[in-house]
């Protein structure tokens, strides 16, 4: 009888420990996502300069390289479900947004010299469903 009670208590204790560890991991993941998002949500404003756009593109490119996000045949990052970031820029209201890779191909130095003092605003912000981290940001000219 004592053996049965001990076995049941050990099983119960193991289950409680597993639940606690999963909870602790979930909290750590949420805190990591909040810290990560804070760096990008800083740019979710009505007026940021083109130099800030250059900064956020560099951050996103660095993030994608750090997490080995694959590229397609056009040399553009393929979004994944966890940690990829895409930045889009729209210079005209009727145009479709250009991905950050196209801006990098033209040259960030050229972009900064042309649009460094121009104001943009963050038009949309999307998050990864799986991790809660930022997945996509779209910026448009403020004068629309």
C-alpha atoms as a PDB file:
ATOM      1  CA  UNK A   1       0.000   0.000   0.000  1.00  0.00           C
ATOM      2  CA  UNK A   2       2.805   2.434   0.914  1.00  0.00           C
ATOM      3  CA  UNK A   3       4.584   1.611  -2.355  1.00  0.00           C
ATOM      4  CA  UNK A   4       1.488   2.458  -4.371  1.00  0.00           C
ATOM      5  CA  UNK A   5       1.046   5.788  -2.588  1.00  0.00           C
ATOM      6  CA  UNK A   6       4.741   6.636  -3.107  1.00  0.00           C
ATOM      7  CA  UNK A   7       4.526   5.791  -6.817  1.00  0.00           C
ATOM      8  CA  UNK A   8       1.373   7.905  -7.214  1.00  0.00           C
ATOM      9  CA  UNK A   9       3.002  10.808  -5.363  1.00  0.00           C
ATOM     10  CA  UNK A  10       6.145  10.563  -7.531  1.00  0.00           C
ATOM     11  CA  UNK A  11       4.072  10.562 -10.699  1.00  0.00           C
ATOM     12  CA  UNK A  12       2.066  13.536  -9.429  1.00  0.00           C
ATOM     13  CA  UNK A  13       5.278  15.362  -8.500  1.00  0.00           C
ATOM     14  CA  UNK A  14       6.774  14.671 -11.950  1.00  0.00           C
ATOM     15  CA  UNK A  15       3.644  16.045 -13.629  1.00  0.00           C
ATOM     16  CA  UNK A  16       3.704  19.191 -11.466  1.00  0.00           C
ATOM     17  CA  UNK A  17       7.400  19.736 -12.255  1.00  0.00           C
ATOM     18  CA  UNK A  18       6.751  19.348 -16.016  1.00  0.00           C
ATOM     19  CA  UNK A  19       3.878  21.823 -15.906  1.00  0.00           C
ATOM     20  CA  UNK A  20       6.008  24.299 -13.952  1.00  0.00           C
ATOM     21  CA  UNK A  21       8.928  23.988 -16.399  1.00  0.00           C
ATOM     22  CA  UNK A  22       6.618  24.540 -19.394  1.00  0.00           C
ATOM     23  CA  UNK A  23       5.112  27.590 -17.700  1.00  0.00           C
ATOM     24  CA  UNK A  24       8.558  28.972 -16.913  1.00  0.00           C
ATOM     25  CA  UNK A  25       9.643  28.451 -20.559  1.00  0.00           C
ATOM     26  CA  UNK A  26       6.504  30.195 -21.828  1.00  0.00           C
ATOM     27  CA  UNK A  27       7.175  33.223 -19.589  1.00  0.00           C
ATOM     28  CA  UNK A  28      10.798  33.390 -20.774  1.00  0.00           C
ATOM     29  CA  UNK A  29       9.665  33.256 -24.412  1.00  0.00           C
ATOM     30  CA  UNK A  30       7.147  36.045 -23.849  1.00  0.00           C
ATOM     31  CA  UNK A  31       9.734  38.227 -22.126  1.00  0.00           C
ATOM     32  CA  UNK A  32      12.204  37.616 -24.947  1.00  0.00           C
ATOM     33  CA  UNK A  33       9.568  38.627 -27.520  1.00  0.00           C
ATOM     34  CA  UNK A  34       8.735  41.815 -25.562  1.00  0.00           C
ATOM     35  CA  UNK A  35      12.403  42.801 -25.401  1.00  0.00           C
ATOM     36  CA  UNK A  36      12.877  42.036 -29.102  1.00  0.00           C
ATOM     37  CA  UNK A  37       9.733  43.933 -30.144  1.00  0.00           C
ATOM     38  CA  UNK A  38      10.661  46.976 -28.089  1.00  0.00           C
ATOM     39  CA  UNK A  39      13.630  47.624 -30.416  1.00  0.00           C
ATOM     40  CA  UNK A  40      11.360  47.718 -33.472  1.00  0.00           C
ATOM     41  CA  UNK A  41       8.200  49.231 -31.972  1.00  0.00           C
ATOM     42  CA  UNK A  42      10.297  52.312 -31.228  1.00  0.00           C
ATOM     43  CA  UNK A  43       9.922  53.091 -34.959  1.00  0.00           C
ATOM     44  CA  UNK A  44       6.122  52.733 -34.941  1.00  0.00           C
ATOM     45  CA  UNK A  45       5.602  56.495 -35.105  1.00  0.00           C
ATOM     46  CA  UNK A  46       3.861  59.088 -37.233  1.00  0.00           C
ATOM     47  CA  UNK A  47       7.143  60.763 -38.209  1.00  0.00           C
ATOM     48  CA  UNK A  48      10.535  59.116 -38.535  1.00  0.00           C
ATOM     49  CA  UNK A  49      13.368  60.150 -40.816  1.00  0.00           C
ATOM     50  CA  UNK A  50      14.820  58.239 -43.727  1.00  0.00           C
ATOM     51  CA  UNK A  51      17.965  57.748 -41.653  1.00  0.00           C
ATOM     52  CA  UNK A  52      15.832  55.782 -39.166  1.00  0.00           C
ATOM     53  CA  UNK A  53      14.518  53.667 -42.036  1.00  0.00           C
ATOM     54  CA  UNK A  54      18.138  52.845 -42.914  1.00  0.00           C
ATOM     55  CA  UNK A  55      18.769  51.853 -39.300  1.00  0.00           C
ATOM     56  CA  UNK A  56      15.753  49.569 -39.092  1.00  0.00           C
ATOM     57  CA  UNK A  57      16.596  47.933 -42.429  1.00  0.00           C
ATOM     58  CA  UNK A  58      20.098  47.212 -41.144  1.00  0.00           C
ATOM     59  CA  UNK A  59      18.631  45.748 -37.925  1.00  0.00           C
ATOM     60  CA  UNK A  60      16.223  43.551 -39.861  1.00  0.00           C
ATOM     61  CA  UNK A  61      18.925  42.344 -42.252  1.00  0.00           C
ATOM     62  CA  UNK A  62      21.205  41.544 -39.309  1.00  0.00           C
ATOM     63  CA  UNK A  63      18.377  39.670 -37.570  1.00  0.00           C
ATOM     64  CA  UNK A  64      17.627  37.617 -40.679  1.00  0.00           C
ATOM     65  CA  UNK A  65      21.307  36.766 -41.134  1.00  0.00           C
ATOM     66  CA  UNK A  66      21.660  35.830 -37.445  1.00  0.00           C
ATOM     67  CA  UNK A  67      18.745  33.407 -37.683  1.00  0.00           C
ATOM     68  CA  UNK A  68      19.807  32.112 -41.146  1.00  0.00           C
ATOM     69  CA  UNK A  69      16.542  33.093 -42.832  1.00  0.00           C
ATOM     70  CA  UNK A  70      16.718  31.657 -46.375  1.00  0.00           C
ATOM     71  CA  UNK A  71      16.506  33.765 -49.532  1.00  0.00           C
ATOM     72  CA  UNK A  72      14.621  33.157 -52.769  1.00  0.00           C
ATOM     73  CA  UNK A  73      15.897  33.447 -56.352  1.00  0.00           C
ATOM     74  CA  UNK A  74      15.400  37.249 -56.240  1.00  0.00           C
ATOM     75  CA  UNK A  75      17.743  37.375 -53.214  1.00  0.00           C
ATOM     76  CA  UNK A  76      14.843  38.340 -50.926  1.00  0.00           C
ATOM     77  CA  UNK A  77      14.325  36.814 -47.502  1.00  0.00           C
ATOM     78  CA  UNK A  78      11.623  34.171 -47.290  1.00  0.00           C
ATOM     79  CA  UNK A  79       9.448  34.876 -44.236  1.00  0.00           C
ATOM     80  CA  UNK A  80       9.206  32.080 -41.692  1.00  0.00           C
ATOM     81  CA  UNK A  81       6.854  31.520 -38.758  1.00  0.00           C
ATOM     82  CA  UNK A  82       9.228  32.431 -35.945  1.00  0.00           C
ATOM     83  CA  UNK A  83      11.924  35.067 -36.366  1.00  0.00           C
ATOM     84  CA  UNK A  84      12.136  36.589 -39.847  1.00  0.00           C
ATOM     85  CA  UNK A  85      11.582  40.306 -40.348  1.00  0.00           C
ATOM     86  CA  UNK A  86      10.498  42.070 -43.540  1.00  0.00           C
ATOM     87  CA  UNK A  87      10.577  45.842 -43.942  1.00  0.00           C
ATOM     88  CA  UNK A  88       8.591  47.431 -46.761  1.00  0.00           C
ATOM     89  CA  UNK A  89       8.781  50.989 -48.033  1.00  0.00           C
ATOM     90  CA  UNK A  90       6.164  52.781 -50.110  1.00  0.00           C
ATOM     91  CA  UNK A  91       7.253  55.981 -51.847  1.00  0.00           C
ATOM     92  CA  UNK A  92       4.036  56.626 -53.802  1.00  0.00           C
ATOM     93  CA  UNK A  93       0.451  56.036 -52.691  1.00  0.00           C
ATOM     94  CA  UNK A  94      -0.438  54.031 -55.794  1.00  0.00           C
ATOM     95  CA  UNK A  95       2.705  51.882 -55.789  1.00  0.00           C
ATOM     96  CA  UNK A  96       3.006  48.567 -54.045  1.00  0.00           C
ATOM     97  CA  UNK A  97       5.503  48.597 -51.188  1.00  0.00           C
ATOM     98  CA  UNK A  98       9.111  47.770 -52.052  1.00  0.00           C
ATOM     99  CA  UNK A  99      10.843  45.170 -49.884  1.00  0.00           C
ATOM    100  CA  UNK A 100      13.984  46.148 -47.997  1.00  0.00           C
ATOM    101  CA  UNK A 101      16.144  43.949 -50.231  1.00  0.00           C
ATOM    102  CA  UNK A 102      15.385  46.172 -53.240  1.00  0.00           C
ATOM    103  CA  UNK A 103      16.463  49.243 -51.293  1.00  0.00           C
ATOM    104  CA  UNK A 104      19.663  47.500 -50.218  1.00  0.00           C
ATOM    105  CA  UNK A 105      20.390  46.535 -53.854  1.00  0.00           C
ATOM    106  CA  UNK A 106      20.089  50.186 -54.894  1.00  0.00           C
ATOM    107  CA  UNK A 107      22.281  51.102 -51.944  1.00  0.00           C
ATOM    108  CA  UNK A 108      21.500  52.289 -48.442  1.00  0.00           C
ATOM    109  CA  UNK A 109      23.979  55.142 -48.843  1.00  0.00           C
ATOM    110  CA  UNK A 110      22.095  56.380 -51.902  1.00  0.00           C
ATOM    111  CA  UNK A 111      18.780  55.965 -50.083  1.00  0.00           C
ATOM    112  CA  UNK A 112      20.074  57.918 -47.078  1.00  0.00           C
ATOM    113  CA  UNK A 113      21.441  60.729 -49.227  1.00  0.00           C
ATOM    114  CA  UNK A 114      18.116  61.049 -51.096  1.00  0.00           C
ATOM    115  CA  UNK A 115      15.631  60.361 -48.283  1.00  0.00           C
ATOM    116  CA  UNK A 116      17.635  60.927 -45.090  1.00  0.00           C
ATOM    117  CA  UNK A 117      15.689  64.039 -44.071  1.00  0.00           C
ATOM    118  CA  UNK A 118      12.333  62.942 -45.493  1.00  0.00           C
ATOM    119  CA  UNK A 119       9.720  61.878 -42.950  1.00  0.00           C
ATOM    120  CA  UNK A 120       7.980  58.512 -43.087  1.00  0.00           C
ATOM    121  CA  UNK A 121       5.385  56.886 -40.890  1.00  0.00           C
ATOM    122  CA  UNK A 122       4.791  53.285 -39.951  1.00  0.00           C
ATOM    123  CA  UNK A 123       1.646  52.239 -41.802  1.00  0.00           C
ATOM    124  CA  UNK A 124       1.442  48.649 -40.581  1.00  0.00           C
ATOM    125  CA  UNK A 125       3.015  46.315 -38.098  1.00  0.00           C
ATOM    126  CA  UNK A 126       2.511  42.531 -38.114  1.00  0.00           C
ATOM    127  CA  UNK A 127       3.617  39.892 -35.627  1.00  0.00           C
ATOM    128  CA  UNK A 128       4.486  36.214 -35.903  1.00  0.00           C
ATOM    129  CA  UNK A 129       1.595  34.201 -34.501  1.00  0.00           C
ATOM    130  CA  UNK A 130       3.887  31.511 -33.156  1.00  0.00           C
ATOM    131  CA  UNK A 131       6.379  33.660 -31.222  1.00  0.00           C
ATOM    132  CA  UNK A 132       4.720  37.059 -30.915  1.00  0.00           C
ATOM    133  CA  UNK A 133       7.797  38.718 -32.421  1.00  0.00           C
ATOM    134  CA  UNK A 134       7.552  41.388 -35.099  1.00  0.00           C
ATOM    135  CA  UNK A 135       7.326  39.864 -38.563  1.00  0.00           C
ATOM    136  CA  UNK A 136       6.716  42.814 -40.862  1.00  0.00           C
ATOM    137  CA  UNK A 137       6.709  46.615 -40.903  1.00  0.00           C
ATOM    138  CA  UNK A 138       5.578  48.888 -43.716  1.00  0.00           C
ATOM    139  CA  UNK A 139       6.594  52.548 -43.937  1.00  0.00           C
ATOM    140  CA  UNK A 140       5.072  55.208 -46.181  1.00  0.00           C
ATOM    141  CA  UNK A 141       5.886  58.843 -46.868  1.00  0.00           C
ATOM    142  CA  UNK A 142       4.218  61.079 -44.289  1.00  0.00           C
ATOM    143  CA  UNK A 143       2.850  63.460 -46.924  1.00  0.00           C
ATOM    144  CA  UNK A 144       0.188  61.052 -48.233  1.00  0.00           C
END
